[in-house]
């Protein structure tokens, strides 16, 4: 029973760490990609629809 409680605490700790660190990093990465797509001239994206608004 004690091992199960320990395992649950370990999982909760891992989830907390993931949410605390990985989520903001992922959100930052998305923001960077969005701003890059927004400020890069369309010529750099020739042949791809990346960074262009949906038509």
PDB file of N, CA and C in Angstrom:
ATOM      1  N   UNK A   1       0.837  -1.201   0.000  1.00  0.00           N
ATOM      2  CA  UNK A   1       0.000   0.000   0.000  1.00  0.00           C
ATOM      3  C   UNK A   1       0.876   1.257   0.000  1.00  0.00           C
ATOM      4  N   UNK A   2       1.974   1.174   0.747  1.00  0.00           N
ATOM      5  CA  UNK A   2       2.858   2.333   0.830  1.00  0.00           C
ATOM      6  C   UNK A   2       3.533   2.604  -0.518  1.00  0.00           C
ATOM      7  N   UNK A   3       3.877   1.520  -1.218  1.00  0.00           N
ATOM      8  CA  UNK A   3       4.522   1.681  -2.525  1.00  0.00           C
ATOM      9  C   UNK A   3       3.562   2.333  -3.517  1.00  0.00           C
ATOM     10  N   UNK A   4       2.283   1.973  -3.416  1.00  0.00           N
ATOM     11  CA  UNK A   4       1.287   2.548  -4.323  1.00  0.00           C
ATOM     12  C   UNK A   4       1.135   4.050  -4.072  1.00  0.00           C
ATOM     13  N   UNK A   5       1.096   4.434  -2.806  1.00  0.00           N
ATOM     14  CA  UNK A   5       1.009   5.854  -2.461  1.00  0.00           C
ATOM     15  C   UNK A   5       2.228   6.603  -2.981  1.00  0.00           C
ATOM     16  N   UNK A   6       3.394   5.978  -2.836  1.00  0.00           N
ATOM     17  CA  UNK A   6       4.636   6.586  -3.306  1.00  0.00           C
ATOM     18  C   UNK A   6       4.593   6.765  -4.828  1.00  0.00           C
ATOM     19  N   UNK A   7       4.068   5.755  -5.508  1.00  0.00           N
ATOM     20  CA  UNK A   7       3.968   5.809  -6.966  1.00  0.00           C
ATOM     21  C   UNK A   7       3.031   6.932  -7.402  1.00  0.00           C
ATOM     22  N   UNK A   8       1.910   7.064  -6.712  1.00  0.00           N
ATOM     23  CA  UNK A   8       0.957   8.129  -7.026  1.00  0.00           C
ATOM     24  C   UNK A   8       1.599   9.495  -6.814  1.00  0.00           C
ATOM     25  N   UNK A   9       2.326   9.645  -5.705  1.00  0.00           N
ATOM     26  CA  UNK A   9       2.995  10.915  -5.435  1.00  0.00           C
ATOM     27  C   UNK A   9       4.041  11.214  -6.504  1.00  0.00           C
ATOM     28  N   UNK A  10       4.741  10.170  -6.939  1.00  0.00           N
ATOM     29  CA  UNK A  10       5.754  10.335  -7.973  1.00  0.00           C
ATOM     30  C   UNK A  10       5.115  10.806  -9.283  1.00  0.00           C
ATOM     31  N   UNK A  11       3.990  10.198  -9.628  1.00  0.00           N
ATOM     32  CA  UNK A  11       3.276  10.593 -10.848  1.00  0.00           C
ATOM     33  C   UNK A  11       2.776  12.030 -10.756  1.00  0.00           C
ATOM     34  N   UNK A  12       2.241  12.398  -9.600  1.00  0.00           N
ATOM     35  CA  UNK A  12       1.764  13.763  -9.407  1.00  0.00           C
ATOM     36  C   UNK A  12       2.910  14.754  -9.517  1.00  0.00           C
ATOM     37  N   UNK A  13       4.058  14.399  -8.936  1.00  0.00           N
ATOM     38  CA  UNK A  13       5.226  15.276  -9.008  1.00  0.00           C
ATOM     39  C   UNK A  13       5.685  15.432 -10.455  1.00  0.00           C
ATOM     40  N   UNK A  14       5.703  14.329 -11.187  1.00  0.00           N
ATOM     41  CA  UNK A  14       6.120  14.375 -12.590  1.00  0.00           C
ATOM     42  C   UNK A  14       5.158  15.237 -13.403  1.00  0.00           C
ATOM     43  N   UNK A  15       3.868  15.082 -13.150  1.00  0.00           N
ATOM     44  CA  UNK A  15       2.870  15.879 -13.866  1.00  0.00           C
ATOM     45  C   UNK A  15       3.027  17.361 -13.539  1.00  0.00           C
ATOM     46  N   UNK A  16       3.268  17.654 -12.271  1.00  0.00           N
ATOM     47  CA  UNK A  16       3.446  19.044 -11.851  1.00  0.00           C
ATOM     48  C   UNK A  16       4.660  19.662 -12.528  1.00  0.00           C
ATOM     49  N   UNK A  17       5.763  18.912 -12.554  1.00  0.00           N
ATOM     50  CA  UNK A  17       6.988  19.398 -13.193  1.00  0.00           C
ATOM     51  C   UNK A  17       6.754  19.613 -14.684  1.00  0.00           C
ATOM     52  N   UNK A  18       6.056  18.667 -15.297  1.00  0.00           N
ATOM     53  CA  UNK A  18       5.775  18.778 -16.732  1.00  0.00           C
ATOM     54  C   UNK A  18       4.954  20.024 -17.025  1.00  0.00           C
ATOM     55  N   UNK A  19       3.896  20.226 -16.231  1.00  0.00           N
ATOM     56  CA  UNK A  19       3.026  21.386 -16.439  1.00  0.00           C
ATOM     57  C   UNK A  19       3.787  22.681 -16.171  1.00  0.00           C
ATOM     58  N   UNK A  20       4.629  22.657 -15.133  1.00  0.00           N
ATOM     59  CA  UNK A  20       5.338  23.876 -14.741  1.00  0.00           C
ATOM     60  C   UNK A  20       6.381  24.283 -15.761  1.00  0.00           C
ATOM     61  N   UNK A  21       7.134  23.303 -16.284  1.00  0.00           N
ATOM     62  CA  UNK A  21       8.260  23.635 -17.154  1.00  0.00           C
ATOM     63  C   UNK A  21       7.980  23.409 -18.630  1.00  0.00           C
ATOM     64  N   UNK A  22       7.422  22.262 -18.982  1.00  0.00           N
ATOM     65  CA  UNK A  22       7.274  21.917 -20.394  1.00  0.00           C
ATOM     66  C   UNK A  22       6.204  22.765 -21.073  1.00  0.00           C
ATOM     67  N   UNK A  23       5.111  23.040 -20.375  1.00  0.00           N
ATOM     68  CA  UNK A  23       4.015  23.786 -20.987  1.00  0.00           C
ATOM     69  C   UNK A  23       4.423  25.199 -21.382  1.00  0.00           C
ATOM     70  N   UNK A  24       5.010  25.986 -20.471  1.00  0.00           N
ATOM     71  CA  UNK A  24       5.433  27.339 -20.873  1.00  0.00           C
ATOM     72  C   UNK A  24       6.458  27.314 -21.998  1.00  0.00           C
ATOM     73  N   UNK A  25       7.352  26.329 -21.990  1.00  0.00           N
ATOM     74  CA  UNK A  25       8.357  26.229 -23.050  1.00  0.00           C
ATOM     75  C   UNK A  25       7.666  25.967 -24.387  1.00  0.00           C
ATOM     76  N   UNK A  26       6.686  25.067 -24.380  1.00  0.00           N
ATOM     77  CA  UNK A  26       5.953  24.754 -25.604  1.00  0.00           C
ATOM     78  C   UNK A  26       5.164  25.974 -26.080  1.00  0.00           C
ATOM     79  N   UNK A  27       4.539  26.689 -25.141  1.00  0.00           N
ATOM     80  CA  UNK A  27       3.787  27.883 -25.511  1.00  0.00           C
ATOM     81  C   UNK A  27       4.717  28.945 -26.083  1.00  0.00           C
ATOM     82  N   UNK A  28       5.900  29.096 -25.483  1.00  0.00           N
ATOM     83  CA  UNK A  28       6.886  30.046 -25.994  1.00  0.00           C
ATOM     84  C   UNK A  28       7.305  29.659 -27.408  1.00  0.00           C
ATOM     85  N   UNK A  29       7.525  28.370 -27.620  1.00  0.00           N
ATOM     86  CA  UNK A  29       7.945  27.903 -28.940  1.00  0.00           C
ATOM     87  C   UNK A  29       6.859  28.203 -29.974  1.00  0.00           C
ATOM     88  N   UNK A  30       5.602  28.006 -29.591  1.00  0.00           N
ATOM     89  CA  UNK A  30       4.506  28.302 -30.512  1.00  0.00           C
ATOM     90  C   UNK A  30       4.446  29.797 -30.802  1.00  0.00           C
ATOM     91  N   UNK A  31       4.643  30.615 -29.783  1.00  0.00           N
ATOM     92  CA  UNK A  31       4.622  32.066 -29.972  1.00  0.00           C
ATOM     93  C   UNK A  31       5.747  32.496 -30.905  1.00  0.00           C
ATOM     94  N   UNK A  32       6.914  31.884 -30.737  1.00  0.00           N
ATOM     95  CA  UNK A  32       8.049  32.204 -31.607  1.00  0.00           C
ATOM     96  C   UNK A  32       7.739  31.805 -33.046  1.00  0.00           C
ATOM     97  N   UNK A  33       7.164  30.612 -33.220  1.00  0.00           N
ATOM     98  CA  UNK A  33       6.817  30.169 -34.574  1.00  0.00           C
ATOM     99  C   UNK A  33       5.782  31.104 -35.199  1.00  0.00           C
ATOM    100  N   UNK A  34       4.801  31.514 -34.389  1.00  0.00           N
ATOM    101  CA  UNK A  34       3.769  32.402 -34.906  1.00  0.00           C
ATOM    102  C   UNK A  34       4.356  33.743 -35.312  1.00  0.00           C
ATOM    103  N   UNK A  35       5.215  34.309 -34.475  1.00  0.00           N
ATOM    104  CA  UNK A  35       5.786  35.613 -34.795  1.00  0.00           C
ATOM    105  C   UNK A  35       6.725  35.510 -35.990  1.00  0.00           C
ATOM    106  N   UNK A  36       7.444  34.389 -36.104  1.00  0.00           N
ATOM    107  CA  UNK A  36       8.303  34.190 -37.271  1.00  0.00           C
ATOM    108  C   UNK A  36       7.456  34.127 -38.535  1.00  0.00           C
ATOM    109  N   UNK A  37       6.360  33.383 -38.465  1.00  0.00           N
ATOM    110  CA  UNK A  37       5.489  33.250 -39.626  1.00  0.00           C
ATOM    111  C   UNK A  37       4.875  34.598 -39.983  1.00  0.00           C
ATOM    112  N   UNK A  38       4.594  35.406 -38.973  1.00  0.00           N
ATOM    113  CA  UNK A  38       3.945  36.687 -39.210  1.00  0.00           C
ATOM    114  C   UNK A  38       4.913  37.698 -39.827  1.00  0.00           C
ATOM    115  N   UNK A  39       6.169  37.681 -39.372  1.00  0.00           N
ATOM    116  CA  UNK A  39       7.097  38.726 -39.790  1.00  0.00           C
ATOM    117  C   UNK A  39       8.022  38.311 -40.928  1.00  0.00           C
ATOM    118  N   UNK A  40       7.920  37.064 -41.364  1.00  0.00           N
ATOM    119  CA  UNK A  40       8.749  36.638 -42.490  1.00  0.00           C
ATOM    120  C   UNK A  40       8.016  36.968 -43.783  1.00  0.00           C
ATOM    121  N   UNK A  41       8.686  37.586 -44.730  1.00  0.00           N
ATOM    122  CA  UNK A  41       8.022  37.896 -46.005  1.00  0.00           C
ATOM    123  C   UNK A  41       7.562  36.621 -46.712  1.00  0.00           C
ATOM    124  N   UNK A  42       6.461  36.684 -47.454  1.00  0.00           N
ATOM    125  CA  UNK A  42       5.894  35.494 -48.102  1.00  0.00           C
ATOM    126  C   UNK A  42       6.869  34.804 -49.049  1.00  0.00           C
ATOM    127  N   UNK A  43       7.847  35.542 -49.575  1.00  0.00           N
ATOM    128  CA  UNK A  43       8.799  34.952 -50.510  1.00  0.00           C
ATOM    129  C   UNK A  43       9.581  33.817 -49.853  1.00  0.00           C
ATOM    130  N   UNK A  44       9.808  33.931 -48.556  1.00  0.00           N
ATOM    131  CA  UNK A  44      10.557  32.901 -47.842  1.00  0.00           C
ATOM    132  C   UNK A  44       9.745  31.613 -47.745  1.00  0.00           C
ATOM    133  N   UNK A  45       8.419  31.736 -47.897  1.00  0.00           N
ATOM    134  CA  UNK A  45       7.549  30.567 -47.780  1.00  0.00           C
ATOM    135  C   UNK A  45       7.073  30.102 -49.145  1.00  0.00           C
ATOM    136  N   UNK A  46       7.848  30.355 -50.189  1.00  0.00           N
ATOM    137  CA  UNK A  46       7.384  30.039 -51.536  1.00  0.00           C
ATOM    138  C   UNK A  46       7.111  28.541 -51.669  1.00  0.00           C
ATOM    139  N   UNK A  47       5.939  28.242 -52.199  1.00  0.00           N
ATOM    140  CA  UNK A  47       5.581  26.851 -52.414  1.00  0.00           C
ATOM    141  C   UNK A  47       4.929  26.192 -51.219  1.00  0.00           C
ATOM    142  N   UNK A  48       4.828  26.913 -50.102  1.00  0.00           N
ATOM    143  CA  UNK A  48       4.167  26.318 -48.941  1.00  0.00           C
ATOM    144  C   UNK A  48       3.117  27.274 -48.414  1.00  0.00           C
ATOM    145  N   UNK A  49       2.123  26.731 -47.744  1.00  0.00           N
ATOM    146  CA  UNK A  49       1.058  27.565 -47.198  1.00  0.00           C
ATOM    147  C   UNK A  49       1.364  27.940 -45.753  1.00  0.00           C
ATOM    148  N   UNK A  50       2.557  27.604 -45.284  1.00  0.00           N
ATOM    149  CA  UNK A  50       2.910  27.877 -43.890  1.00  0.00           C
ATOM    150  C   UNK A  50       3.030  29.373 -43.660  1.00  0.00           C
ATOM    151  N   UNK A  51       2.366  29.862 -42.615  1.00  0.00           N
ATOM    152  CA  UNK A  51       2.475  31.257 -42.255  1.00  0.00           C
ATOM    153  C   UNK A  51       1.515  32.162 -43.001  1.00  0.00           C
ATOM    154  N   UNK A  52       0.740  31.592 -43.902  1.00  0.00           N
ATOM    155  CA  UNK A  52      -0.226  32.401 -44.638  1.00  0.00           C
ATOM    156  C   UNK A  52      -1.618  32.186 -44.046  1.00  0.00           C
ATOM    157  N   UNK A  53      -2.424  33.233 -44.010  1.00  0.00           N
ATOM    158  CA  UNK A  53      -3.792  33.058 -43.493  1.00  0.00           C
ATOM    159  C   UNK A  53      -4.599  32.151 -44.413  1.00  0.00           C
ATOM    160  N   UNK A  54      -5.480  31.347 -43.854  1.00  0.00           N
ATOM    161  CA  UNK A  54      -6.292  30.448 -44.694  1.00  0.00           C
ATOM    162  C   UNK A  54      -7.196  31.248 -45.616  1.00  0.00           C
ATOM    163  N   UNK A  55      -7.290  30.836 -46.867  1.00  0.00           N
ATOM    164  CA  UNK A  55      -8.092  31.588 -47.839  1.00  0.00           C
ATOM    165  C   UNK A  55      -9.502  31.018 -47.922  1.00  0.00           C
TER     166      UNK A  55
END
